[in-house]
Amino acid sequence: MSIFFKFIKNVCVITSFLFFVFVVSVLILPESADALGLFTNFGGKITTVVPCTNGVLITVVGPKPGVFLYKYFVSKLYPAFQLLPKAKVIGRAINIKVPCTLMPPAANIPSEGVIISVGTSSVLEEEAAQ
């Protein structure tokens, strides 16, 4: 084996180890993930809901606004399970800009992040209270 291939192999091993240490530190110490700016907290009232082929795009207005993508089988939705307009929502998203993919020939809609976990109020309870 040439010196070049040994060097590349060593670089790959070192890079893999550093990546493993980074992932473990983020999982064990969530404060380090917050310090790196990997996550965003959001909360407020849902104003629009757009069904996509890869999830549901919600627009949140209020104290912590934004446009976030709820991904099927990735995001965790807590009771009352209502990603509907007028529902109040609070959650956490990872800062990965994944667009909402619409059926062709429409374009993609950008998002500010992918929802990790989200809890909602019941729209029926909100309307009954008014």
C-alpha atoms as a PDB file:
ATOM      1  CA  MET A   1       0.000   0.000   0.000  1.00  0.00           C
ATOM      2  CA  SER A   2       1.417   3.383  -0.924  1.00  0.00           C
ATOM      3  CA  ILE A   3       2.077   6.173   1.547  1.00  0.00           C
ATOM      4  CA  PHE A   4      -0.724   8.233  -0.010  1.00  0.00           C
ATOM      5  CA  PHE A   5      -3.368   5.565   0.667  1.00  0.00           C
ATOM      6  CA  LYS A   6      -2.123   5.100   4.257  1.00  0.00           C
ATOM      7  CA  PHE A   7      -2.433   8.849   4.762  1.00  0.00           C
ATOM      8  CA  ILE A   8      -5.996   8.895   3.368  1.00  0.00           C
ATOM      9  CA  LYS A   9      -6.916   5.931   5.559  1.00  0.00           C
ATOM     10  CA  ASN A  10      -5.580   7.703   8.677  1.00  0.00           C
ATOM     11  CA  VAL A  11      -7.460  10.899   7.780  1.00  0.00           C
ATOM     12  CA  CYS A  12     -10.696   8.915   7.377  1.00  0.00           C
ATOM     13  CA  VAL A  13     -10.220   7.172  10.726  1.00  0.00           C
ATOM     14  CA  ILE A  14      -9.503  10.454  12.527  1.00  0.00           C
ATOM     15  CA  THR A  15     -12.455  12.211  10.843  1.00  0.00           C
ATOM     16  CA  SER A  16     -14.794   9.356  11.730  1.00  0.00           C
ATOM     17  CA  PHE A  17     -13.648   9.428  15.346  1.00  0.00           C
ATOM     18  CA  LEU A  18     -14.127  13.202  15.631  1.00  0.00           C
ATOM     19  CA  PHE A  19     -17.578  12.943  14.074  1.00  0.00           C
ATOM     20  CA  PHE A  20     -18.499  10.182  16.540  1.00  0.00           C
ATOM     21  CA  VAL A  21     -17.298  12.317  19.476  1.00  0.00           C
ATOM     22  CA  PHE A  22     -19.322  15.282  18.163  1.00  0.00           C
ATOM     23  CA  VAL A  23     -22.535  13.234  17.790  1.00  0.00           C
ATOM     24  CA  VAL A  24     -22.154  11.631  21.230  1.00  0.00           C
ATOM     25  CA  SER A  25     -21.499  14.998  22.879  1.00  0.00           C
ATOM     26  CA  VAL A  26     -24.608  16.501  21.242  1.00  0.00           C
ATOM     27  CA  LEU A  27     -26.757  13.556  22.361  1.00  0.00           C
ATOM     28  CA  ILE A  28     -25.391  13.407  25.901  1.00  0.00           C
ATOM     29  CA  LEU A  29     -25.044  17.145  26.481  1.00  0.00           C
ATOM     30  CA  PRO A  30     -27.951  18.918  24.779  1.00  0.00           C
ATOM     31  CA  GLU A  31     -26.617  22.234  26.073  1.00  0.00           C
ATOM     32  CA  SER A  32     -23.706  21.866  23.669  1.00  0.00           C
ATOM     33  CA  ALA A  33     -26.177  21.479  20.783  1.00  0.00           C
ATOM     34  CA  ASP A  34     -27.949  24.647  21.899  1.00  0.00           C
ATOM     35  CA  ALA A  35     -24.625  26.476  22.097  1.00  0.00           C
ATOM     36  CA  LEU A  36     -23.866  25.440  18.524  1.00  0.00           C
ATOM     37  CA  GLY A  37     -27.226  26.817  17.371  1.00  0.00           C
ATOM     38  CA  LEU A  38     -28.484  23.484  16.044  1.00  0.00           C
ATOM     39  CA  PHE A  39     -32.001  23.855  17.469  1.00  0.00           C
ATOM     40  CA  THR A  40     -34.747  26.481  17.495  1.00  0.00           C
ATOM     41  CA  ASN A  41     -37.668  26.726  19.891  1.00  0.00           C
ATOM     42  CA  PHE A  42     -40.930  28.006  18.439  1.00  0.00           C
ATOM     43  CA  GLY A  43     -44.399  28.787  19.685  1.00  0.00           C
ATOM     44  CA  GLY A  44     -47.535  30.731  18.882  1.00  0.00           C
ATOM     45  CA  LYS A  45     -50.614  30.249  16.757  1.00  0.00           C
ATOM     46  CA  ILE A  46     -50.662  28.297  13.488  1.00  0.00           C
ATOM     47  CA  THR A  47     -51.897  30.506  10.642  1.00  0.00           C
ATOM     48  CA  THR A  48     -51.331  28.333   7.584  1.00  0.00           C
ATOM     49  CA  VAL A  49     -50.937  24.603   6.956  1.00  0.00           C
ATOM     50  CA  VAL A  50     -49.620  23.336   3.611  1.00  0.00           C
ATOM     51  CA  PRO A  51     -49.667  19.588   2.893  1.00  0.00           C
ATOM     52  CA  CYS A  52     -46.485  18.472   1.132  1.00  0.00           C
ATOM     53  CA  THR A  53     -45.298  15.199  -0.306  1.00  0.00           C
ATOM     54  CA  ASN A  54     -42.614  15.038   2.407  1.00  0.00           C
ATOM     55  CA  GLY A  55     -44.608  16.378   5.390  1.00  0.00           C
ATOM     56  CA  VAL A  56     -46.737  19.314   6.490  1.00  0.00           C
ATOM     57  CA  LEU A  57     -45.507  22.912   6.405  1.00  0.00           C
ATOM     58  CA  ILE A  58     -46.852  25.142   9.188  1.00  0.00           C
ATOM     59  CA  THR A  59     -46.536  28.876   9.640  1.00  0.00           C
ATOM     60  CA  VAL A  60     -46.450  30.008  13.273  1.00  0.00           C
ATOM     61  CA  VAL A  61     -47.076  33.599  14.401  1.00  0.00           C
ATOM     62  CA  GLY A  62     -46.671  34.865  17.928  1.00  0.00           C
ATOM     63  CA  PRO A  63     -43.887  34.998  20.463  1.00  0.00           C
ATOM     64  CA  LYS A  64     -41.558  32.578  18.608  1.00  0.00           C
ATOM     65  CA  PRO A  65     -42.683  32.677  14.939  1.00  0.00           C
ATOM     66  CA  GLY A  66     -41.417  30.806  11.899  1.00  0.00           C
ATOM     67  CA  VAL A  67     -42.122  28.400   9.059  1.00  0.00           C
ATOM     68  CA  PHE A  68     -41.406  24.785   9.965  1.00  0.00           C
ATOM     69  CA  LEU A  69     -41.749  21.388   8.316  1.00  0.00           C
ATOM     70  CA  TYR A  70     -43.410  18.504  10.153  1.00  0.00           C
ATOM     71  CA  LYS A  71     -41.828  15.383   8.610  1.00  0.00           C
ATOM     72  CA  TYR A  72     -43.710  12.105   8.677  1.00  0.00           C
ATOM     73  CA  PHE A  73     -41.975   9.419  10.790  1.00  0.00           C
ATOM     74  CA  VAL A  74     -39.345  11.951  11.985  1.00  0.00           C
ATOM     75  CA  SER A  75     -41.221  14.594  13.981  1.00  0.00           C
ATOM     76  CA  LYS A  76     -43.023  13.706  17.212  1.00  0.00           C
ATOM     77  CA  LEU A  77     -46.524  15.140  17.616  1.00  0.00           C
ATOM     78  CA  TYR A  78     -47.972  15.251  21.131  1.00  0.00           C
ATOM     79  CA  PRO A  79     -51.693  15.335  22.014  1.00  0.00           C
ATOM     80  CA  ALA A  80     -54.040  17.002  20.860  1.00  0.00           C
ATOM     81  CA  PHE A  81     -52.514  15.968  17.506  1.00  0.00           C
ATOM     82  CA  GLN A  82     -53.872  19.016  15.652  1.00  0.00           C
ATOM     83  CA  LEU A  83     -51.645  20.768  13.145  1.00  0.00           C
ATOM     84  CA  LEU A  84     -54.520  22.987  12.068  1.00  0.00           C
ATOM     85  CA  PRO A  85     -54.969  26.744  11.654  1.00  0.00           C
ATOM     86  CA  LYS A  86     -55.912  28.532  14.906  1.00  0.00           C
ATOM     87  CA  ALA A  87     -54.291  25.851  17.088  1.00  0.00           C
ATOM     88  CA  LYS A  88     -51.682  27.048  19.546  1.00  0.00           C
ATOM     89  CA  VAL A  89     -48.388  25.267  19.220  1.00  0.00           C
ATOM     90  CA  ILE A  90     -45.067  24.963  21.028  1.00  0.00           C
ATOM     91  CA  GLY A  91     -42.131  22.921  19.851  1.00  0.00           C
ATOM     92  CA  ARG A  92     -38.513  22.443  18.935  1.00  0.00           C
ATOM     93  CA  ALA A  93     -36.963  22.246  15.477  1.00  0.00           C
ATOM     94  CA  ILE A  94     -33.524  21.450  14.137  1.00  0.00           C
ATOM     95  CA  ASN A  95     -32.049  24.133  11.907  1.00  0.00           C
ATOM     96  CA  ILE A  96     -31.975  22.129   8.698  1.00  0.00           C
ATOM     97  CA  LYS A  97     -33.544  23.984   5.795  1.00  0.00           C
ATOM     98  CA  VAL A  98     -35.660  21.256   4.164  1.00  0.00           C
ATOM     99  CA  PRO A  99     -38.158  22.601   1.617  1.00  0.00           C
ATOM    100  CA  CYS A 100     -41.785  21.558   1.427  1.00  0.00           C
ATOM    101  CA  THR A 101     -42.032  19.546  -1.790  1.00  0.00           C
ATOM    102  CA  LEU A 102     -45.269  20.112  -3.668  1.00  0.00           C
ATOM    103  CA  MET A 103     -46.656  18.001  -6.487  1.00  0.00           C
ATOM    104  CA  PRO A 104     -45.126  18.837  -9.908  1.00  0.00           C
ATOM    105  CA  PRO A 105     -44.995  21.268 -11.636  1.00  0.00           C
ATOM    106  CA  ALA A 106     -45.200  23.539  -8.539  1.00  0.00           C
ATOM    107  CA  ALA A 107     -42.038  24.787  -6.864  1.00  0.00           C
ATOM    108  CA  ASN A 108     -40.719  23.982  -3.395  1.00  0.00           C
ATOM    109  CA  ILE A 109     -41.551  26.174  -0.388  1.00  0.00           C
ATOM    110  CA  PRO A 110     -38.575  26.860   1.930  1.00  0.00           C
ATOM    111  CA  SER A 111     -38.746  26.166   5.663  1.00  0.00           C
ATOM    112  CA  GLU A 112     -36.684  27.414   8.588  1.00  0.00           C
ATOM    113  CA  GLY A 113     -36.225  23.960  10.072  1.00  0.00           C
ATOM    114  CA  VAL A 114     -37.532  20.445  10.598  1.00  0.00           C
ATOM    115  CA  ILE A 115     -39.734  19.890  13.643  1.00  0.00           C
ATOM    116  CA  ILE A 116     -38.329  17.464  16.202  1.00  0.00           C
ATOM    117  CA  SER A 117     -41.225  17.614  18.644  1.00  0.00           C
ATOM    118  CA  VAL A 118     -44.398  19.680  18.807  1.00  0.00           C
ATOM    119  CA  GLY A 119     -47.415  19.954  21.068  1.00  0.00           C
ATOM    120  CA  THR A 120     -50.689  21.600  20.103  1.00  0.00           C
ATOM    121  CA  SER A 121     -53.875  22.825  21.668  1.00  0.00           C
ATOM    122  CA  SER A 122     -57.231  21.521  20.534  1.00  0.00           C
ATOM    123  CA  VAL A 123     -58.905  23.764  17.960  1.00  0.00           C
ATOM    124  CA  LEU A 124     -62.307  22.540  19.173  1.00  0.00           C
ATOM    125  CA  GLU A 125     -61.504  23.588  22.748  1.00  0.00           C
ATOM    126  CA  GLU A 126     -60.276  26.982  21.491  1.00  0.00           C
ATOM    127  CA  GLU A 127     -63.508  27.603  19.579  1.00  0.00           C
ATOM    128  CA  ALA A 128     -65.679  26.408  22.483  1.00  0.00           C
ATOM    129  CA  ALA A 129     -63.887  28.787  24.874  1.00  0.00           C
ATOM    130  CA  GLN A 130     -64.702  31.814  22.699  1.00  0.00           C
END
